[in-house]
Amino acid sequence: MNEYHQPQPRRTRKENPKETRVDLPHFYGKENVETYLEWEMKVEQLFACHIVSEKRKVRLATLSFQGNAMYWWTALKRERHLHKDHPITYWNDLRGALRCHHIPSFNRKFMDKLQRLHQKI
């Protein structure tokens, strides 16, 4: 080769250089309410810390599903497809579906009230 001609460097392909790797804790779906809520809070902290886009949140969260949670997610996707419902693409929708499945209805009512509480000054 000519000493003045340098070969072009190989380019490595990155999906999106701004997106960082996010490792979420596994969720097995068989645990109690407190375990689910701890997982949810940890996931939300990681999403906020790594500034995860809405498009990635559902994909990342569902990748962390193991065992019963993975079977539940597969069945939910199939059921939504059969009923011609839109697929779940937003974290809030997935979180709502998870809460309906993992938190008994009487606890959900109290949780909703608790989240809507505001301290008056």
PDB file of N, CA and C in Angstrom:
ATOM      1  N   MET A   1       0.823  -1.186   0.000  1.00  0.00           N
ATOM      2  CA  MET A   1       0.000   0.000   0.000  1.00  0.00           C
ATOM      3  C   MET A   1       0.863   1.244   0.000  1.00  0.00           C
ATOM      4  N   ASN A   2       0.286   2.249  -0.523  1.00  0.00           N
ATOM      5  CA  ASN A   2       0.932   3.540  -0.562  1.00  0.00           C
ATOM      6  C   ASN A   2       1.060   4.068   0.859  1.00  0.00           C
ATOM      7  N   GLU A   3       2.199   4.670   1.178  1.00  0.00           N
ATOM      8  CA  GLU A   3       2.404   5.149   2.541  1.00  0.00           C
ATOM      9  C   GLU A   3       1.516   6.335   2.887  1.00  0.00           C
ATOM     10  N   TYR A   4       0.981   6.992   1.858  1.00  0.00           N
ATOM     11  CA  TYR A   4       0.105   8.130   2.105  1.00  0.00           C
ATOM     12  C   TYR A   4      -1.361   7.701   2.215  1.00  0.00           C
ATOM     13  N   HIS A   5      -1.643   6.503   1.825  1.00  0.00           N
ATOM     14  CA  HIS A   5      -3.028   6.028   1.864  1.00  0.00           C
ATOM     15  C   HIS A   5      -3.244   5.170   3.101  1.00  0.00           C
ATOM     16  N   GLN A   6      -4.112   5.592   3.950  1.00  0.00           N
ATOM     17  CA  GLN A   6      -4.434   4.844   5.150  1.00  0.00           C
ATOM     18  C   GLN A   6      -5.777   4.147   4.937  1.00  0.00           C
ATOM     19  N   PRO A   7      -5.884   2.870   5.295  1.00  0.00           N
ATOM     20  CA  PRO A   7      -7.186   2.218   5.163  1.00  0.00           C
ATOM     21  C   PRO A   7      -8.176   2.841   6.146  1.00  0.00           C
ATOM     22  N   GLN A   8      -9.416   2.868   5.722  1.00  0.00           N
ATOM     23  CA  GLN A   8     -10.453   3.435   6.587  1.00  0.00           C
ATOM     24  C   GLN A   8     -10.661   2.530   7.797  1.00  0.00           C
ATOM     25  N   PRO A   9     -10.830   3.129   8.980  1.00  0.00           N
ATOM     26  CA  PRO A   9     -11.070   2.298  10.164  1.00  0.00           C
ATOM     27  C   PRO A   9     -12.427   1.616  10.077  1.00  0.00           C
ATOM     28  N   ARG A  10     -12.497   0.441  10.648  1.00  0.00           N
ATOM     29  CA  ARG A  10     -13.777  -0.269  10.682  1.00  0.00           C
ATOM     30  C   ARG A  10     -14.725   0.446  11.627  1.00  0.00           C
ATOM     31  N   ARG A  11     -15.952   0.507  11.222  1.00  0.00           N
ATOM     32  CA  ARG A  11     -16.946   1.154  12.067  1.00  0.00           C
ATOM     33  C   ARG A  11     -17.722   0.094  12.821  1.00  0.00           C
ATOM     34  N   THR A  12     -17.886   0.337  14.081  1.00  0.00           N
ATOM     35  CA  THR A  12     -18.713  -0.567  14.866  1.00  0.00           C
ATOM     36  C   THR A  12     -20.129  -0.007  14.870  1.00  0.00           C
ATOM     37  N   ARG A  13     -21.068  -0.887  14.743  1.00  0.00           N
ATOM     38  CA  ARG A  13     -22.467  -0.482  14.660  1.00  0.00           C
ATOM     39  C   ARG A  13     -23.064  -0.393  16.059  1.00  0.00           C
ATOM     40  N   LYS A  14     -23.616   0.748  16.362  1.00  0.00           N
ATOM     41  CA  LYS A  14     -24.313   0.938  17.631  1.00  0.00           C
ATOM     42  C   LYS A  14     -25.768   1.234  17.304  1.00  0.00           C
ATOM     43  N   GLU A  15     -26.665   0.659  18.092  1.00  0.00           N
ATOM     44  CA  GLU A  15     -28.090   0.904  17.866  1.00  0.00           C
ATOM     45  C   GLU A  15     -28.388   2.387  17.998  1.00  0.00           C
ATOM     46  N   ASN A  16     -28.027   2.962  19.090  1.00  0.00           N
ATOM     47  CA  ASN A  16     -28.200   4.380  19.325  1.00  0.00           C
ATOM     48  C   ASN A  16     -27.120   4.782  20.319  1.00  0.00           C
ATOM     49  N   PRO A  17     -26.183   5.611  19.898  1.00  0.00           N
ATOM     50  CA  PRO A  17     -25.063   5.927  20.785  1.00  0.00           C
ATOM     51  C   PRO A  17     -25.487   6.606  22.086  1.00  0.00           C
ATOM     52  N   LYS A  18     -26.665   7.220  22.127  1.00  0.00           N
ATOM     53  CA  LYS A  18     -27.114   7.898  23.335  1.00  0.00           C
ATOM     54  C   LYS A  18     -27.741   6.932  24.337  1.00  0.00           C
ATOM     55  N   GLU A  19     -28.160   5.755  23.890  1.00  0.00           N
ATOM     56  CA  GLU A  19     -28.804   4.800  24.779  1.00  0.00           C
ATOM     57  C   GLU A  19     -27.750   4.003  25.534  1.00  0.00           C
ATOM     58  N   THR A  20     -27.912   3.954  26.833  1.00  0.00           N
ATOM     59  CA  THR A  20     -26.979   3.206  27.663  1.00  0.00           C
ATOM     60  C   THR A  20     -27.564   1.845  28.003  1.00  0.00           C
ATOM     61  N   ARG A  21     -26.708   0.969  28.416  1.00  0.00           N
ATOM     62  CA  ARG A  21     -27.151  -0.360  28.828  1.00  0.00           C
ATOM     63  C   ARG A  21     -27.818  -0.255  30.197  1.00  0.00           C
ATOM     64  N   VAL A  22     -28.977  -0.856  30.302  1.00  0.00           N
ATOM     65  CA  VAL A  22     -29.726  -0.829  31.554  1.00  0.00           C
ATOM     66  C   VAL A  22     -30.025  -2.273  31.940  1.00  0.00           C
ATOM     67  N   ASP A  23     -29.536  -2.681  33.093  1.00  0.00           N
ATOM     68  CA  ASP A  23     -29.809  -4.026  33.595  1.00  0.00           C
ATOM     69  C   ASP A  23     -30.857  -3.938  34.693  1.00  0.00           C
ATOM     70  N   LEU A  24     -32.032  -4.452  34.400  1.00  0.00           N
ATOM     71  CA  LEU A  24     -33.112  -4.435  35.377  1.00  0.00           C
ATOM     72  C   LEU A  24     -33.085  -5.717  36.196  1.00  0.00           C
ATOM     73  N   PRO A  25     -33.552  -5.634  37.442  1.00  0.00           N
ATOM     74  CA  PRO A  25     -33.628  -6.862  38.245  1.00  0.00           C
ATOM     75  C   PRO A  25     -34.669  -7.801  37.667  1.00  0.00           C
ATOM     76  N   HIS A  26     -34.433  -9.087  37.805  1.00  0.00           N
ATOM     77  CA  HIS A  26     -35.406 -10.070  37.321  1.00  0.00           C
ATOM     78  C   HIS A  26     -36.686  -9.991  38.134  1.00  0.00           C
ATOM     79  N   PHE A  27     -37.785 -10.282  37.455  1.00  0.00           N
ATOM     80  CA  PHE A  27     -39.071 -10.355  38.144  1.00  0.00           C
ATOM     81  C   PHE A  27     -39.702 -11.689  37.793  1.00  0.00           C
ATOM     82  N   TYR A  28     -40.028 -12.469  38.817  1.00  0.00           N
ATOM     83  CA  TYR A  28     -40.544 -13.819  38.614  1.00  0.00           C
ATOM     84  C   TYR A  28     -42.058 -13.907  38.668  1.00  0.00           C
ATOM     85  N   GLY A  29     -42.729 -12.903  39.217  1.00  0.00           N
ATOM     86  CA  GLY A  29     -44.181 -12.866  39.173  1.00  0.00           C
ATOM     87  C   GLY A  29     -44.903 -13.742  40.160  1.00  0.00           C
ATOM     88  N   LYS A  30     -44.196 -14.421  41.023  1.00  0.00           N
ATOM     89  CA  LYS A  30     -44.846 -15.326  41.967  1.00  0.00           C
ATOM     90  C   LYS A  30     -44.798 -14.766  43.386  1.00  0.00           C
ATOM     91  N   GLU A  31     -44.120 -13.664  43.538  1.00  0.00           N
ATOM     92  CA  GLU A  31     -43.883 -13.100  44.857  1.00  0.00           C
ATOM     93  C   GLU A  31     -45.113 -12.385  45.393  1.00  0.00           C
ATOM     94  N   ASN A  32     -44.967 -11.845  46.591  1.00  0.00           N
ATOM     95  CA  ASN A  32     -46.065 -11.124  47.230  1.00  0.00           C
ATOM     96  C   ASN A  32     -46.118  -9.676  46.737  1.00  0.00           C
ATOM     97  N   VAL A  33     -47.082  -8.940  47.237  1.00  0.00           N
ATOM     98  CA  VAL A  33     -47.312  -7.562  46.803  1.00  0.00           C
ATOM     99  C   VAL A  33     -46.088  -6.694  47.062  1.00  0.00           C
ATOM    100  N   GLU A  34     -45.486  -6.827  48.230  1.00  0.00           N
ATOM    101  CA  GLU A  34     -44.331  -5.994  48.576  1.00  0.00           C
ATOM    102  C   GLU A  34     -43.164  -6.238  47.618  1.00  0.00           C
ATOM    103  N   THR A  35     -42.941  -7.480  47.256  1.00  0.00           N
ATOM    104  CA  THR A  35     -41.854  -7.799  46.332  1.00  0.00           C
ATOM    105  C   THR A  35     -42.110  -7.169  44.968  1.00  0.00           C
ATOM    106  N   TYR A  36     -43.358  -7.240  44.500  1.00  0.00           N
ATOM    107  CA  TYR A  36     -43.688  -6.606  43.223  1.00  0.00           C
ATOM    108  C   TYR A  36     -43.450  -5.097  43.300  1.00  0.00           C
ATOM    109  N   LEU A  37     -43.945  -4.460  44.359  1.00  0.00           N
ATOM    110  CA  LEU A  37     -43.814  -3.005  44.477  1.00  0.00           C
ATOM    111  C   LEU A  37     -42.358  -2.579  44.579  1.00  0.00           C
ATOM    112  N   GLU A  38     -41.528  -3.362  45.261  1.00  0.00           N
ATOM    113  CA  GLU A  38     -40.092  -3.070  45.327  1.00  0.00           C
ATOM    114  C   GLU A  38     -39.474  -3.152  43.932  1.00  0.00           C
ATOM    115  N   TRP A  39     -39.848  -4.190  43.165  1.00  0.00           N
ATOM    116  CA  TRP A  39     -39.332  -4.336  41.802  1.00  0.00           C
ATOM    117  C   TRP A  39     -39.757  -3.132  40.964  1.00  0.00           C
ATOM    118  N   GLU A  40     -41.017  -2.753  41.061  1.00  0.00           N
ATOM    119  CA  GLU A  40     -41.535  -1.625  40.276  1.00  0.00           C
ATOM    120  C   GLU A  40     -40.779  -0.336  40.612  1.00  0.00           C
ATOM    121  N   MET A  41     -40.586  -0.070  41.896  1.00  0.00           N
ATOM    122  CA  MET A  41     -39.873   1.152  42.292  1.00  0.00           C
ATOM    123  C   MET A  41     -38.430   1.137  41.803  1.00  0.00           C
ATOM    124  N   LYS A  42     -37.781  -0.021  41.899  1.00  0.00           N
ATOM    125  CA  LYS A  42     -36.394  -0.130  41.425  1.00  0.00           C
ATOM    126  C   LYS A  42     -36.313   0.117  39.927  1.00  0.00           C
ATOM    127  N   VAL A  43     -37.256  -0.453  39.181  1.00  0.00           N
ATOM    128  CA  VAL A  43     -37.288  -0.262  37.727  1.00  0.00           C
ATOM    129  C   VAL A  43     -37.490   1.218  37.396  1.00  0.00           C
ATOM    130  N   GLU A  44     -38.406   1.873  38.088  1.00  0.00           N
ATOM    131  CA  GLU A  44     -38.647   3.293  37.819  1.00  0.00           C
ATOM    132  C   GLU A  44     -37.423   4.137  38.158  1.00  0.00           C
ATOM    133  N   GLN A  45     -36.713   3.784  39.223  1.00  0.00           N
ATOM    134  CA  GLN A  45     -35.481   4.494  39.562  1.00  0.00           C
ATOM    135  C   GLN A  45     -34.436   4.325  38.462  1.00  0.00           C
ATOM    136  N   LEU A  46     -34.291   3.110  37.973  1.00  0.00           N
ATOM    137  CA  LEU A  46     -33.316   2.850  36.908  1.00  0.00           C
ATOM    138  C   LEU A  46     -33.702   3.573  35.620  1.00  0.00           C
ATOM    139  N   PHE A  47     -34.990   3.585  35.289  1.00  0.00           N
ATOM    140  CA  PHE A  47     -35.446   4.310  34.100  1.00  0.00           C
ATOM    141  C   PHE A  47     -35.100   5.794  34.211  1.00  0.00           C
ATOM    142  N   ALA A  48     -35.346   6.374  35.377  1.00  0.00           N
ATOM    143  CA  ALA A  48     -35.065   7.796  35.577  1.00  0.00           C
ATOM    144  C   ALA A  48     -33.562   8.074  35.570  1.00  0.00           C
ATOM    145  N   CYS A  49     -32.802   7.213  36.191  1.00  0.00           N
ATOM    146  CA  CYS A  49     -31.353   7.389  36.279  1.00  0.00           C
ATOM    147  C   CYS A  49     -30.692   7.312  34.904  1.00  0.00           C
ATOM    148  N   HIS A  50     -31.144   6.387  34.091  1.00  0.00           N
ATOM    149  CA  HIS A  50     -30.536   6.170  32.776  1.00  0.00           C
ATOM    150  C   HIS A  50     -31.265   6.909  31.654  1.00  0.00           C
ATOM    151  N   ILE A  51     -32.287   7.666  32.007  1.00  0.00           N
ATOM    152  CA  ILE A  51     -33.086   8.421  31.045  1.00  0.00           C
ATOM    153  C   ILE A  51     -33.500   7.508  29.887  1.00  0.00           C
ATOM    154  N   VAL A  52     -34.320   6.525  30.205  1.00  0.00           N
ATOM    155  CA  VAL A  52     -34.777   5.540  29.224  1.00  0.00           C
ATOM    156  C   VAL A  52     -35.979   6.092  28.477  1.00  0.00           C
ATOM    157  N   SER A  53     -35.970   5.953  27.159  1.00  0.00           N
ATOM    158  CA  SER A  53     -37.081   6.439  26.340  1.00  0.00           C
ATOM    159  C   SER A  53     -38.318   5.575  26.566  1.00  0.00           C
ATOM    160  N   GLU A  54     -39.475   6.158  26.302  1.00  0.00           N
ATOM    161  CA  GLU A  54     -40.738   5.427  26.473  1.00  0.00           C
ATOM    162  C   GLU A  54     -40.761   4.159  25.626  1.00  0.00           C
ATOM    163  N   LYS A  55     -40.192   4.216  24.441  1.00  0.00           N
ATOM    164  CA  LYS A  55     -40.206   3.054  23.549  1.00  0.00           C
ATOM    165  C   LYS A  55     -39.424   1.879  24.128  1.00  0.00           C
ATOM    166  N   ARG A  56     -38.397   2.171  24.911  1.00  0.00           N
ATOM    167  CA  ARG A  56     -37.557   1.095  25.461  1.00  0.00           C
ATOM    168  C   ARG A  56     -38.068   0.540  26.775  1.00  0.00           C
ATOM    169  N   LYS A  57     -38.860   1.303  27.518  1.00  0.00           N
ATOM    170  CA  LYS A  57     -39.257   0.898  28.865  1.00  0.00           C
ATOM    171  C   LYS A  57     -39.980  -0.438  28.886  1.00  0.00           C
ATOM    172  N   VAL A  58     -40.980  -0.613  28.028  1.00  0.00           N
ATOM    173  CA  VAL A  58     -41.742  -1.866  28.025  1.00  0.00           C
ATOM    174  C   VAL A  58     -40.845  -3.016  27.595  1.00  0.00           C
ATOM    175  N   ARG A  59     -40.044  -2.802  26.571  1.00  0.00           N
ATOM    176  CA  ARG A  59     -39.150  -3.869  26.098  1.00  0.00           C
ATOM    177  C   ARG A  59     -38.161  -4.287  27.179  1.00  0.00           C
ATOM    178  N   LEU A  60     -37.566  -3.311  27.862  1.00  0.00           N
ATOM    179  CA  LEU A  60     -36.606  -3.635  28.922  1.00  0.00           C
ATOM    180  C   LEU A  60     -37.286  -4.333  30.094  1.00  0.00           C
ATOM    181  N   ALA A  61     -38.438  -3.805  30.500  1.00  0.00           N
ATOM    182  CA  ALA A  61     -39.135  -4.404  31.647  1.00  0.00           C
ATOM    183  C   ALA A  61     -39.530  -5.842  31.353  1.00  0.00           C
ATOM    184  N   THR A  62     -40.086  -6.091  30.178  1.00  0.00           N
ATOM    185  CA  THR A  62     -40.538  -7.450  29.857  1.00  0.00           C
ATOM    186  C   THR A  62     -39.370  -8.407  29.638  1.00  0.00           C
ATOM    187  N   LEU A  63     -38.218  -7.884  29.278  1.00  0.00           N
ATOM    188  CA  LEU A  63     -37.029  -8.742  29.181  1.00  0.00           C
ATOM    189  C   LEU A  63     -36.574  -9.229  30.550  1.00  0.00           C
ATOM    190  N   SER A  64     -36.937  -8.490  31.595  1.00  0.00           N
ATOM    191  CA  SER A  64     -36.540  -8.896  32.944  1.00  0.00           C
ATOM    192  C   SER A  64     -37.484  -9.949  33.528  1.00  0.00           C
ATOM    193  N   PHE A  65     -38.596 -10.232  32.828  1.00  0.00           N
ATOM    194  CA  PHE A  65     -39.551 -11.225  33.320  1.00  0.00           C
ATOM    195  C   PHE A  65     -38.958 -12.627  33.227  1.00  0.00           C
ATOM    196  N   GLN A  66     -39.174 -13.391  34.282  1.00  0.00           N
ATOM    197  CA  GLN A  66     -38.723 -14.780  34.343  1.00  0.00           C
ATOM    198  C   GLN A  66     -39.895 -15.633  34.830  1.00  0.00           C
ATOM    199  N   GLY A  67     -39.885 -16.898  34.533  1.00  0.00           N
ATOM    200  CA  GLY A  67     -40.866 -17.840  35.076  1.00  0.00           C
ATOM    201  C   GLY A  67     -42.308 -17.420  34.866  1.00  0.00           C
ATOM    202  N   ASN A  68     -43.075 -17.337  35.974  1.00  0.00           N
ATOM    203  CA  ASN A  68     -44.495 -17.004  35.892  1.00  0.00           C
ATOM    204  C   ASN A  68     -44.754 -15.662  35.230  1.00  0.00           C
ATOM    205  N   ALA A  69     -43.906 -14.679  35.475  1.00  0.00           N
ATOM    206  CA  ALA A  69     -44.094 -13.361  34.876  1.00  0.00           C
ATOM    207  C   ALA A  69     -43.976 -13.440  33.351  1.00  0.00           C
ATOM    208  N   MET A  70     -43.042 -14.234  32.866  1.00  0.00           N
ATOM    209  CA  MET A  70     -42.863 -14.386  31.424  1.00  0.00           C
ATOM    210  C   MET A  70     -44.075 -15.087  30.811  1.00  0.00           C
ATOM    211  N   TYR A  71     -44.602 -16.114  31.478  1.00  0.00           N
ATOM    212  CA  TYR A  71     -45.791 -16.806  30.974  1.00  0.00           C
ATOM    213  C   TYR A  71     -47.003 -15.880  30.984  1.00  0.00           C
ATOM    214  N   TRP A  72     -47.132 -15.082  32.057  1.00  0.00           N
ATOM    215  CA  TRP A  72     -48.234 -14.129  32.150  1.00  0.00           C
ATOM    216  C   TRP A  72     -48.157 -13.117  31.005  1.00  0.00           C
ATOM    217  N   TRP A  73     -46.968 -12.575  30.737  1.00  0.00           N
ATOM    218  CA  TRP A  73     -46.781 -11.584  29.682  1.00  0.00           C
ATOM    219  C   TRP A  73     -47.102 -12.170  28.313  1.00  0.00           C
ATOM    220  N   THR A  74     -46.660 -13.387  28.059  1.00  0.00           N
ATOM    221  CA  THR A  74     -46.943 -14.045  26.780  1.00  0.00           C
ATOM    222  C   THR A  74     -48.444 -14.243  26.608  1.00  0.00           C
ATOM    223  N   ALA A  75     -49.127 -14.686  27.657  1.00  0.00           N
ATOM    224  CA  ALA A  75     -50.575 -14.887  27.598  1.00  0.00           C
ATOM    225  C   ALA A  75     -51.306 -13.564  27.414  1.00  0.00           C
ATOM    226  N   LEU A  76     -50.851 -12.520  28.082  1.00  0.00           N
ATOM    227  CA  LEU A  76     -51.486 -11.205  27.952  1.00  0.00           C
ATOM    228  C   LEU A  76     -51.344 -10.678  26.532  1.00  0.00           C
ATOM    229  N   LYS A  77     -50.166 -10.804  25.947  1.00  0.00           N
ATOM    230  CA  LYS A  77     -49.972 -10.351  24.564  1.00  0.00           C
ATOM    231  C   LYS A  77     -50.880 -11.118  23.615  1.00  0.00           C
ATOM    232  N   ARG A  78     -50.962 -12.433  23.802  1.00  0.00           N
ATOM    233  CA  ARG A  78     -51.803 -13.267  22.948  1.00  0.00           C
ATOM    234  C   ARG A  78     -53.276 -12.871  23.094  1.00  0.00           C
ATOM    235  N   GLU A  79     -53.719 -12.671  24.330  1.00  0.00           N
ATOM    236  CA  GLU A  79     -55.112 -12.299  24.591  1.00  0.00           C
ATOM    237  C   GLU A  79     -55.445 -10.946  23.967  1.00  0.00           C
ATOM    238  N   ARG A  80     -54.553  -9.981  24.101  1.00  0.00           N
ATOM    239  CA  ARG A  80     -54.786  -8.656  23.506  1.00  0.00           C
ATOM    240  C   ARG A  80     -54.835  -8.752  21.986  1.00  0.00           C
ATOM    241  N   HIS A  81     -53.995  -9.591  21.421  1.00  0.00           N
ATOM    242  CA  HIS A  81     -53.999  -9.777  19.967  1.00  0.00           C
ATOM    243  C   HIS A  81     -55.311 -10.415  19.503  1.00  0.00           C
ATOM    244  N   LEU A  82     -55.776 -11.433  20.218  1.00  0.00           N
ATOM    245  CA  LEU A  82     -57.028 -12.106  19.855  1.00  0.00           C
ATOM    246  C   LEU A  82     -58.232 -11.173  19.946  1.00  0.00           C
ATOM    247  N   HIS A  83     -58.208 -10.268  20.924  1.00  0.00           N
ATOM    248  CA  HIS A  83     -59.308  -9.319  21.088  1.00  0.00           C
ATOM    249  C   HIS A  83     -59.112  -8.054  20.259  1.00  0.00           C
ATOM    250  N   LYS A  84     -58.066  -8.058  19.446  1.00  0.00           N
ATOM    251  CA  LYS A  84     -57.730  -6.929  18.579  1.00  0.00           C
ATOM    252  C   LYS A  84     -57.501  -5.635  19.369  1.00  0.00           C
ATOM    253  N   ASP A  85     -56.981  -5.781  20.586  1.00  0.00           N
ATOM    254  CA  ASP A  85     -56.579  -4.624  21.386  1.00  0.00           C
ATOM    255  C   ASP A  85     -55.183  -4.201  20.959  1.00  0.00           C
ATOM    256  N   HIS A  86     -54.880  -2.934  21.161  1.00  0.00           N
ATOM    257  CA  HIS A  86     -53.549  -2.449  20.840  1.00  0.00           C
ATOM    258  C   HIS A  86     -52.527  -3.105  21.774  1.00  0.00           C
ATOM    259  N   PRO A  87     -51.337  -3.402  21.269  1.00  0.00           N
ATOM    260  CA  PRO A  87     -50.309  -3.970  22.150  1.00  0.00           C
ATOM    261  C   PRO A  87     -49.881  -2.926  23.186  1.00  0.00           C
ATOM    262  N   ILE A  88     -49.400  -3.396  24.297  1.00  0.00           N
ATOM    263  CA  ILE A  88     -48.918  -2.496  25.347  1.00  0.00           C
ATOM    264  C   ILE A  88     -47.563  -1.951  24.918  1.00  0.00           C
ATOM    265  N   THR A  89     -47.498  -0.633  24.764  1.00  0.00           N
ATOM    266  CA  THR A  89     -46.254  -0.006  24.316  1.00  0.00           C
ATOM    267  C   THR A  89     -45.734   1.046  25.286  1.00  0.00           C
ATOM    268  N   TYR A  90     -46.503   1.360  26.317  1.00  0.00           N
ATOM    269  CA  TYR A  90     -46.083   2.369  27.285  1.00  0.00           C
ATOM    270  C   TYR A  90     -45.950   1.753  28.673  1.00  0.00           C
ATOM    271  N   TRP A  91     -44.959   2.248  29.410  1.00  0.00           N
ATOM    272  CA  TRP A  91     -44.682   1.747  30.743  1.00  0.00           C
ATOM    273  C   TRP A  91     -45.899   1.882  31.658  1.00  0.00           C
ATOM    274  N   ASN A  92     -46.608   2.998  31.594  1.00  0.00           N
ATOM    275  CA  ASN A  92     -47.770   3.183  32.468  1.00  0.00           C
ATOM    276  C   ASN A  92     -48.827   2.112  32.225  1.00  0.00           C
ATOM    277  N   ASP A  93     -49.021   1.727  30.970  1.00  0.00           N
ATOM    278  CA  ASP A  93     -49.990   0.674  30.652  1.00  0.00           C
ATOM    279  C   ASP A  93     -49.520  -0.682  31.181  1.00  0.00           C
ATOM    280  N   LEU A  94     -48.239  -0.967  31.012  1.00  0.00           N
ATOM    281  CA  LEU A  94     -47.694  -2.233  31.525  1.00  0.00           C
ATOM    282  C   LEU A  94     -47.767  -2.253  33.046  1.00  0.00           C
ATOM    283  N   ARG A  95     -47.409  -1.152  33.666  1.00  0.00           N
ATOM    284  CA  ARG A  95     -47.460  -1.076  35.128  1.00  0.00           C
ATOM    285  C   ARG A  95     -48.890  -1.290  35.629  1.00  0.00           C
ATOM    286  N   GLY A  96     -49.875  -0.714  34.937  1.00  0.00           N
ATOM    287  CA  GLY A  96     -51.273  -0.910  35.310  1.00  0.00           C
ATOM    288  C   GLY A  96     -51.693  -2.360  35.192  1.00  0.00           C
ATOM    289  N   ALA A  97     -51.275  -3.017  34.113  1.00  0.00           N
ATOM    290  CA  ALA A  97     -51.608  -4.436  33.929  1.00  0.00           C
ATOM    291  C   ALA A  97     -50.939  -5.293  34.999  1.00  0.00           C
ATOM    292  N   LEU A  98     -49.706  -4.978  35.322  1.00  0.00           N
ATOM    293  CA  LEU A  98     -48.995  -5.716  36.368  1.00  0.00           C
ATOM    294  C   LEU A  98     -49.668  -5.532  37.722  1.00  0.00           C
ATOM    295  N   ARG A  99     -50.075  -4.308  38.003  1.00  0.00           N
ATOM    296  CA  ARG A  99     -50.740  -4.048  39.284  1.00  0.00           C
ATOM    297  C   ARG A  99     -52.072  -4.796  39.376  1.00  0.00           C
ATOM    298  N   CYS A 100     -52.822  -4.807  38.279  1.00  0.00           N
ATOM    299  CA  CYS A 100     -54.091  -5.542  38.285  1.00  0.00           C
ATOM    300  C   CYS A 100     -53.858  -7.019  38.564  1.00  0.00           C
ATOM    301  N   HIS A 101     -52.770  -7.536  38.054  1.00  0.00           N
ATOM    302  CA  HIS A 101     -52.479  -8.958  38.212  1.00  0.00           C
ATOM    303  C   HIS A 101     -51.871  -9.294  39.578  1.00  0.00           C
ATOM    304  N   HIS A 102     -51.026  -8.430  40.103  1.00  0.00           N
ATOM    305  CA  HIS A 102     -50.260  -8.759  41.302  1.00  0.00           C
ATOM    306  C   HIS A 102     -50.758  -8.128  42.591  1.00  0.00           C
ATOM    307  N   ILE A 103     -51.630  -7.142  42.480  1.00  0.00           N
ATOM    308  CA  ILE A 103     -52.113  -6.473  43.684  1.00  0.00           C
ATOM    309  C   ILE A 103     -53.614  -6.707  43.786  1.00  0.00           C
ATOM    310  N   PRO A 104     -54.075  -7.293  44.878  1.00  0.00           N
ATOM    311  CA  PRO A 104     -55.517  -7.509  45.038  1.00  0.00           C
ATOM    312  C   PRO A 104     -56.286  -6.192  44.928  1.00  0.00           C
ATOM    313  N   SER A 105     -57.539  -6.263  44.481  1.00  0.00           N
ATOM    314  CA  SER A 105     -58.305  -5.049  44.168  1.00  0.00           C
ATOM    315  C   SER A 105     -58.456  -4.119  45.365  1.00  0.00           C
ATOM    316  N   PHE A 106     -58.644  -4.641  46.559  1.00  0.00           N
ATOM    317  CA  PHE A 106     -58.799  -3.742  47.709  1.00  0.00           C
ATOM    318  C   PHE A 106     -57.519  -2.976  47.976  1.00  0.00           C
ATOM    319  N   ASN A 107     -56.366  -3.593  47.739  1.00  0.00           N
ATOM    320  CA  ASN A 107     -55.090  -2.888  47.901  1.00  0.00           C
ATOM    321  C   ASN A 107     -54.893  -1.842  46.811  1.00  0.00           C
ATOM    322  N   ARG A 108     -55.359  -2.128  45.588  1.00  0.00           N
ATOM    323  CA  ARG A 108     -55.223  -1.177  44.485  1.00  0.00           C
ATOM    324  C   ARG A 108     -55.957   0.119  44.798  1.00  0.00           C
ATOM    325  N   LYS A 109     -57.157   0.022  45.381  1.00  0.00           N
ATOM    326  CA  LYS A 109     -57.928   1.225  45.716  1.00  0.00           C
ATOM    327  C   LYS A 109     -57.146   2.101  46.691  1.00  0.00           C
ATOM    328  N   PHE A 110     -56.561   1.483  47.708  1.00  0.00           N
ATOM    329  CA  PHE A 110     -55.790   2.241  48.691  1.00  0.00           C
ATOM    330  C   PHE A 110     -54.520   2.809  48.066  1.00  0.00           C
ATOM    331  N   MET A 111     -53.887   2.047  47.197  1.00  0.00           N
ATOM    332  CA  MET A 111     -52.677   2.532  46.529  1.00  0.00           C
ATOM    333  C   MET A 111     -52.992   3.734  45.653  1.00  0.00           C
ATOM    334  N   ASP A 112     -54.108   3.671  44.919  1.00  0.00           N
ATOM    335  CA  ASP A 112     -54.502   4.797  44.075  1.00  0.00           C
ATOM    336  C   ASP A 112     -54.752   6.040  44.915  1.00  0.00           C
ATOM    337  N   LYS A 113     -55.451   5.875  46.033  1.00  0.00           N
ATOM    338  CA  LYS A 113     -55.705   7.005  46.920  1.00  0.00           C
ATOM    339  C   LYS A 113     -54.397   7.554  47.477  1.00  0.00           C
ATOM    340  N   LEU A 114     -53.507   6.672  47.860  1.00  0.00           N
ATOM    341  CA  LEU A 114     -52.226   7.087  48.414  1.00  0.00           C
ATOM    342  C   LEU A 114     -51.419   7.892  47.396  1.00  0.00           C
ATOM    343  N   GLN A 115     -51.430   7.471  46.146  1.00  0.00           N
ATOM    344  CA  GLN A 115     -50.673   8.179  45.113  1.00  0.00           C
ATOM    345  C   GLN A 115     -51.276   9.537  44.808  1.00  0.00           C
ATOM    346  N   ARG A 116     -52.574   9.702  45.021  1.00  0.00           N
ATOM    347  CA  ARG A 116     -53.231  10.965  44.730  1.00  0.00           C
ATOM    348  C   ARG A 116     -53.203  11.930  45.922  1.00  0.00           C
ATOM    349  N   LEU A 117     -52.705  11.486  47.058  1.00  0.00           N
ATOM    350  CA  LEU A 117     -52.636  12.347  48.229  1.00  0.00           C
ATOM    351  C   LEU A 117     -51.619  13.458  48.010  1.00  0.00           C
ATOM    352  N   HIS A 118     -52.007  14.650  48.384  1.00  0.00           N
ATOM    353  CA  HIS A 118     -51.088  15.800  48.340  1.00  0.00           C
ATOM    354  C   HIS A 118     -51.164  16.495  49.683  1.00  0.00           C
ATOM    355  N   GLN A 119     -50.026  16.890  50.186  1.00  0.00           N
ATOM    356  CA  GLN A 119     -50.007  17.602  51.452  1.00  0.00           C
ATOM    357  C   GLN A 119     -50.323  19.063  51.179  1.00  0.00           C
ATOM    358  N   LYS A 120     -51.291  19.585  51.910  1.00  0.00           N
ATOM    359  CA  LYS A 120     -51.648  21.002  51.749  1.00  0.00           C
ATOM    360  C   LYS A 120     -50.765  21.838  52.658  1.00  0.00           C
ATOM    361  N   ILE A 121     -50.364  22.951  52.125  1.00  0.00           N
ATOM    362  CA  ILE A 121     -49.458  23.837  52.875  1.00  0.00           C
ATOM    363  C   ILE A 121     -50.238  24.916  53.581  1.00  0.00           C
TER     364      ILE A 121
END
